[in-house]
Amino acid sequence: MKQHYYVVILEPTRDQSEAAKHRSEHLAYLEEQKKRGKLIFGGRFTDGSGGMYILLVSNRSEAEEIARNDPYCKLGFRTPIIKEWERTL
């Protein structure tokens, strides 16, 4: 089955001091995706405007499901913007 790259940009939606309380859940979730071979890499933006990660999955639905179940998104602290990405280099 062909795999596709998806960039997930997480944009803040509400009080980030509250979101910070759930950071360990968010990171544990992403670490699990990494162990499953779905997460390539990720991190936060240095200006505090959210973060992003790159997934390698079979289709957009799978990328959407992973983003939707990210604790930050599930709890309403981030809105995911998902774009398919073509790796050229």
N, C-alpha and C. Protein backbone atom coordinates (compact mmCIF):
# COMPACT_ATOMS: atom_id res chain seq x y z
N MET A 1 0.84 -1.18 0.00
CA MET A 1 0.00 0.00 0.00
C MET A 1 0.90 1.26 0.00
N LYS A 2 0.59 2.17 -0.88
CA LYS A 2 1.36 3.40 -0.98
C LYS A 2 1.12 4.29 0.24
N GLN A 3 2.20 4.88 0.71
CA GLN A 3 2.13 5.79 1.86
C GLN A 3 2.23 7.23 1.36
N HIS A 4 1.58 8.13 2.07
CA HIS A 4 1.58 9.54 1.71
C HIS A 4 2.00 10.37 2.92
N TYR A 5 2.67 11.48 2.64
CA TYR A 5 3.05 12.42 3.70
C TYR A 5 1.94 13.45 3.88
N TYR A 6 1.67 13.77 5.13
CA TYR A 6 0.72 14.83 5.47
C TYR A 6 1.35 15.72 6.53
N VAL A 7 1.25 17.02 6.30
CA VAL A 7 1.68 18.01 7.28
C VAL A 7 0.45 18.38 8.09
N VAL A 8 0.59 18.34 9.40
CA VAL A 8 -0.49 18.74 10.30
C VAL A 8 -0.01 19.98 11.05
N ILE A 9 -0.65 21.10 10.79
CA ILE A 9 -0.33 22.35 11.48
C ILE A 9 -1.38 22.53 12.57
N LEU A 10 -0.92 22.73 13.79
CA LEU A 10 -1.83 22.89 14.93
C LEU A 10 -1.90 24.36 15.32
N GLU A 11 -3.04 24.97 15.06
CA GLU A 11 -3.22 26.38 15.38
C GLU A 11 -3.95 26.51 16.71
N PRO A 12 -3.42 27.37 17.61
CA PRO A 12 -4.07 27.57 18.91
C PRO A 12 -5.48 28.15 18.75
N THR A 13 -6.39 27.69 19.62
CA THR A 13 -7.76 28.16 19.55
C THR A 13 -8.25 28.84 20.83
N ARG A 14 -7.59 28.58 21.92
CA ARG A 14 -8.02 29.21 23.19
C ARG A 14 -6.86 29.30 24.16
N ASP A 15 -7.13 29.62 25.40
CA ASP A 15 -6.13 29.90 26.43
C ASP A 15 -5.00 28.87 26.45
N GLN A 16 -3.83 29.32 26.10
CA GLN A 16 -2.69 28.42 26.00
C GLN A 16 -2.10 28.04 27.36
N SER A 17 -2.40 28.81 28.40
CA SER A 17 -1.93 28.40 29.73
C SER A 17 -2.65 27.13 30.15
N GLU A 18 -3.90 26.98 29.75
CA GLU A 18 -4.65 25.75 30.02
C GLU A 18 -4.11 24.60 29.16
N ALA A 19 -3.78 24.89 27.91
CA ALA A 19 -3.25 23.86 27.01
C ALA A 19 -1.96 23.28 27.57
N ALA A 20 -1.14 24.12 28.16
CA ALA A 20 0.16 23.68 28.70
C ALA A 20 -0.01 22.55 29.72
N LYS A 21 -1.13 22.53 30.41
CA LYS A 21 -1.39 21.48 31.40
C LYS A 21 -1.55 20.11 30.75
N HIS A 22 -1.80 20.09 29.45
CA HIS A 22 -2.02 18.84 28.72
C HIS A 22 -0.87 18.48 27.78
N ARG A 23 0.22 19.20 27.89
CA ARG A 23 1.36 18.98 27.00
C ARG A 23 1.91 17.56 27.09
N SER A 24 2.01 17.02 28.30
CA SER A 24 2.56 15.67 28.45
C SER A 24 1.66 14.64 27.75
N GLU A 25 0.34 14.82 27.79
CA GLU A 25 -0.58 13.91 27.09
C GLU A 25 -0.37 14.01 25.57
N HIS A 26 -0.23 15.24 25.09
CA HIS A 26 0.00 15.50 23.67
C HIS A 26 1.30 14.82 23.21
N LEU A 27 2.37 15.02 23.97
CA LEU A 27 3.66 14.44 23.60
C LEU A 27 3.64 12.92 23.68
N ALA A 28 2.97 12.36 24.67
CA ALA A 28 2.87 10.90 24.79
C ALA A 28 2.11 10.32 23.60
N TYR A 29 1.06 11.02 23.19
CA TYR A 29 0.28 10.58 22.03
C TYR A 29 1.15 10.59 20.77
N LEU A 30 1.90 11.65 20.59
CA LEU A 30 2.77 11.73 19.41
C LEU A 30 3.88 10.69 19.46
N GLU A 31 4.40 10.44 20.64
CA GLU A 31 5.43 9.40 20.79
C GLU A 31 4.87 8.04 20.38
N GLU A 32 3.63 7.78 20.73
CA GLU A 32 2.98 6.53 20.33
C GLU A 32 2.85 6.45 18.81
N GLN A 33 2.50 7.57 18.17
CA GLN A 33 2.41 7.58 16.70
C GLN A 33 3.78 7.34 16.07
N LYS A 34 4.81 7.86 16.72
CA LYS A 34 6.17 7.64 16.23
C LYS A 34 6.55 6.16 16.32
N LYS A 35 6.22 5.53 17.44
CA LYS A 35 6.51 4.10 17.62
C LYS A 35 5.76 3.26 16.60
N ARG A 36 4.58 3.69 16.20
CA ARG A 36 3.77 2.98 15.21
C ARG A 36 4.24 3.25 13.78
N GLY A 37 5.26 4.12 13.63
CA GLY A 37 5.80 4.42 12.31
C GLY A 37 4.99 5.43 11.52
N LYS A 38 4.09 6.13 12.18
CA LYS A 38 3.21 7.10 11.51
C LYS A 38 3.75 8.52 11.57
N LEU A 39 4.40 8.87 12.67
CA LEU A 39 4.94 10.22 12.86
C LEU A 39 6.39 10.25 12.41
N ILE A 40 6.72 11.15 11.48
CA ILE A 40 8.09 11.29 11.02
C ILE A 40 8.86 12.23 11.94
N PHE A 41 8.33 13.42 12.13
CA PHE A 41 8.88 14.37 13.10
C PHE A 41 7.89 15.48 13.36
N GLY A 42 8.12 16.22 14.42
CA GLY A 42 7.22 17.32 14.77
C GLY A 42 7.87 18.24 15.78
N GLY A 43 7.22 19.35 16.03
CA GLY A 43 7.72 20.30 17.01
C GLY A 43 6.84 21.54 17.05
N ARG A 44 7.21 22.44 17.94
CA ARG A 44 6.42 23.67 18.09
C ARG A 44 7.11 24.83 17.42
N PHE A 45 6.33 25.83 17.06
CA PHE A 45 6.88 27.04 16.46
C PHE A 45 7.48 27.91 17.55
N THR A 46 8.64 28.47 17.29
CA THR A 46 9.36 29.24 18.31
C THR A 46 8.67 30.54 18.68
N ASP A 47 7.74 31.00 17.84
CA ASP A 47 7.02 32.24 18.17
C ASP A 47 5.77 31.98 19.00
N GLY A 48 5.55 30.72 19.40
CA GLY A 48 4.40 30.40 20.25
C GLY A 48 3.08 30.26 19.52
N SER A 49 3.13 30.21 18.19
CA SER A 49 1.89 30.18 17.41
C SER A 49 1.40 28.76 17.08
N GLY A 50 1.75 27.79 17.90
CA GLY A 50 1.31 26.41 17.67
C GLY A 50 2.47 25.52 17.30
N GLY A 51 2.19 24.52 16.48
CA GLY A 51 3.24 23.59 16.09
C GLY A 51 2.80 22.80 14.88
N MET A 52 3.62 21.82 14.52
CA MET A 52 3.30 20.99 13.36
C MET A 52 3.97 19.64 13.48
N TYR A 53 3.43 18.69 12.74
CA TYR A 53 4.11 17.42 12.60
C TYR A 53 3.85 16.86 11.21
N ILE A 54 4.70 15.95 10.81
CA ILE A 54 4.57 15.30 9.51
C ILE A 54 4.30 13.83 9.74
N LEU A 55 3.24 13.36 9.09
CA LEU A 55 2.83 11.97 9.19
C LEU A 55 3.12 11.25 7.88
N LEU A 56 3.36 9.96 7.97
CA LEU A 56 3.47 9.10 6.80
C LEU A 56 2.42 8.01 6.99
N VAL A 57 1.31 8.15 6.25
CA VAL A 57 0.16 7.28 6.44
C VAL A 57 -0.43 6.87 5.08
N SER A 58 -1.40 5.99 5.11
CA SER A 58 -1.96 5.45 3.86
C SER A 58 -2.90 6.41 3.14
N ASN A 59 -3.58 7.31 3.88
CA ASN A 59 -4.52 8.22 3.22
C ASN A 59 -4.87 9.40 4.12
N ARG A 60 -5.59 10.35 3.56
CA ARG A 60 -5.96 11.55 4.29
C ARG A 60 -6.83 11.24 5.50
N SER A 61 -7.71 10.28 5.35
CA SER A 61 -8.59 9.91 6.48
C SER A 61 -7.78 9.47 7.69
N GLU A 62 -6.72 8.75 7.46
CA GLU A 62 -5.87 8.31 8.56
C GLU A 62 -5.17 9.51 9.20
N ALA A 63 -4.69 10.44 8.39
CA ALA A 63 -4.06 11.65 8.93
C ALA A 63 -5.07 12.45 9.74
N GLU A 64 -6.29 12.57 9.25
CA GLU A 64 -7.34 13.31 9.96
C GLU A 64 -7.67 12.65 11.29
N GLU A 65 -7.72 11.33 11.29
CA GLU A 65 -8.02 10.60 12.52
C GLU A 65 -6.92 10.81 13.56
N ILE A 66 -5.68 10.74 13.14
CA ILE A 66 -4.56 10.96 14.07
C ILE A 66 -4.64 12.37 14.64
N ALA A 67 -4.84 13.36 13.79
CA ALA A 67 -4.92 14.75 14.26
C ALA A 67 -6.11 14.94 15.19
N ARG A 68 -7.25 14.40 14.83
CA ARG A 68 -8.48 14.54 15.62
C ARG A 68 -8.31 13.95 17.02
N ASN A 69 -7.53 12.87 17.13
CA ASN A 69 -7.33 12.21 18.42
C ASN A 69 -6.15 12.74 19.22
N ASP A 70 -5.42 13.69 18.66
CA ASP A 70 -4.36 14.37 19.41
C ASP A 70 -5.04 15.07 20.59
N PRO A 71 -4.57 14.85 21.82
CA PRO A 71 -5.24 15.48 22.97
C PRO A 71 -5.43 16.99 22.83
N TYR A 72 -4.48 17.70 22.26
CA TYR A 72 -4.66 19.15 22.08
C TYR A 72 -5.90 19.44 21.22
N CYS A 73 -6.11 18.66 20.17
CA CYS A 73 -7.26 18.87 19.29
C CYS A 73 -8.54 18.34 19.93
N LYS A 74 -8.44 17.19 20.53
CA LYS A 74 -9.60 16.55 21.16
C LYS A 74 -10.18 17.45 22.26
N LEU A 75 -9.31 18.14 22.98
CA LEU A 75 -9.75 19.01 24.08
C LEU A 75 -10.06 20.43 23.61
N GLY A 76 -9.86 20.71 22.33
CA GLY A 76 -10.22 22.01 21.77
C GLY A 76 -9.17 23.10 21.90
N PHE A 77 -7.93 22.75 22.22
CA PHE A 77 -6.87 23.75 22.35
C PHE A 77 -6.17 24.06 21.03
N ARG A 78 -6.34 23.18 20.04
CA ARG A 78 -5.73 23.38 18.73
C ARG A 78 -6.73 22.96 17.65
N THR A 79 -6.63 23.63 16.52
CA THR A 79 -7.36 23.23 15.32
C THR A 79 -6.33 22.74 14.32
N PRO A 80 -6.52 21.52 13.82
CA PRO A 80 -5.54 21.01 12.85
C PRO A 80 -5.84 21.47 11.42
N ILE A 81 -4.79 21.87 10.74
CA ILE A 81 -4.85 22.14 9.31
C ILE A 81 -4.00 21.05 8.67
N ILE A 82 -4.60 20.27 7.80
CA ILE A 82 -3.93 19.10 7.24
C ILE A 82 -3.74 19.28 5.74
N LYS A 83 -2.50 19.11 5.30
CA LYS A 83 -2.18 19.25 3.88
C LYS A 83 -1.32 18.07 3.44
N GLU A 84 -1.68 17.48 2.30
CA GLU A 84 -0.83 16.43 1.76
C GLU A 84 0.44 17.11 1.25
N TRP A 85 1.56 16.44 1.46
CA TRP A 85 2.86 17.01 1.13
C TRP A 85 3.61 16.05 0.25
N GLU A 86 4.17 16.55 -0.82
CA GLU A 86 4.98 15.74 -1.71
C GLU A 86 6.44 15.99 -1.43
N ARG A 87 7.10 14.98 -0.91
CA ARG A 87 8.53 15.10 -0.60
C ARG A 87 9.31 15.00 -1.89
N THR A 88 10.12 16.02 -2.18
CA THR A 88 10.91 16.02 -3.41
C THR A 88 12.41 15.93 -3.14
N LEU A 89 12.85 16.25 -1.95
CA LEU A 89 14.28 16.18 -1.61
C LEU A 89 14.50 15.35 -0.36
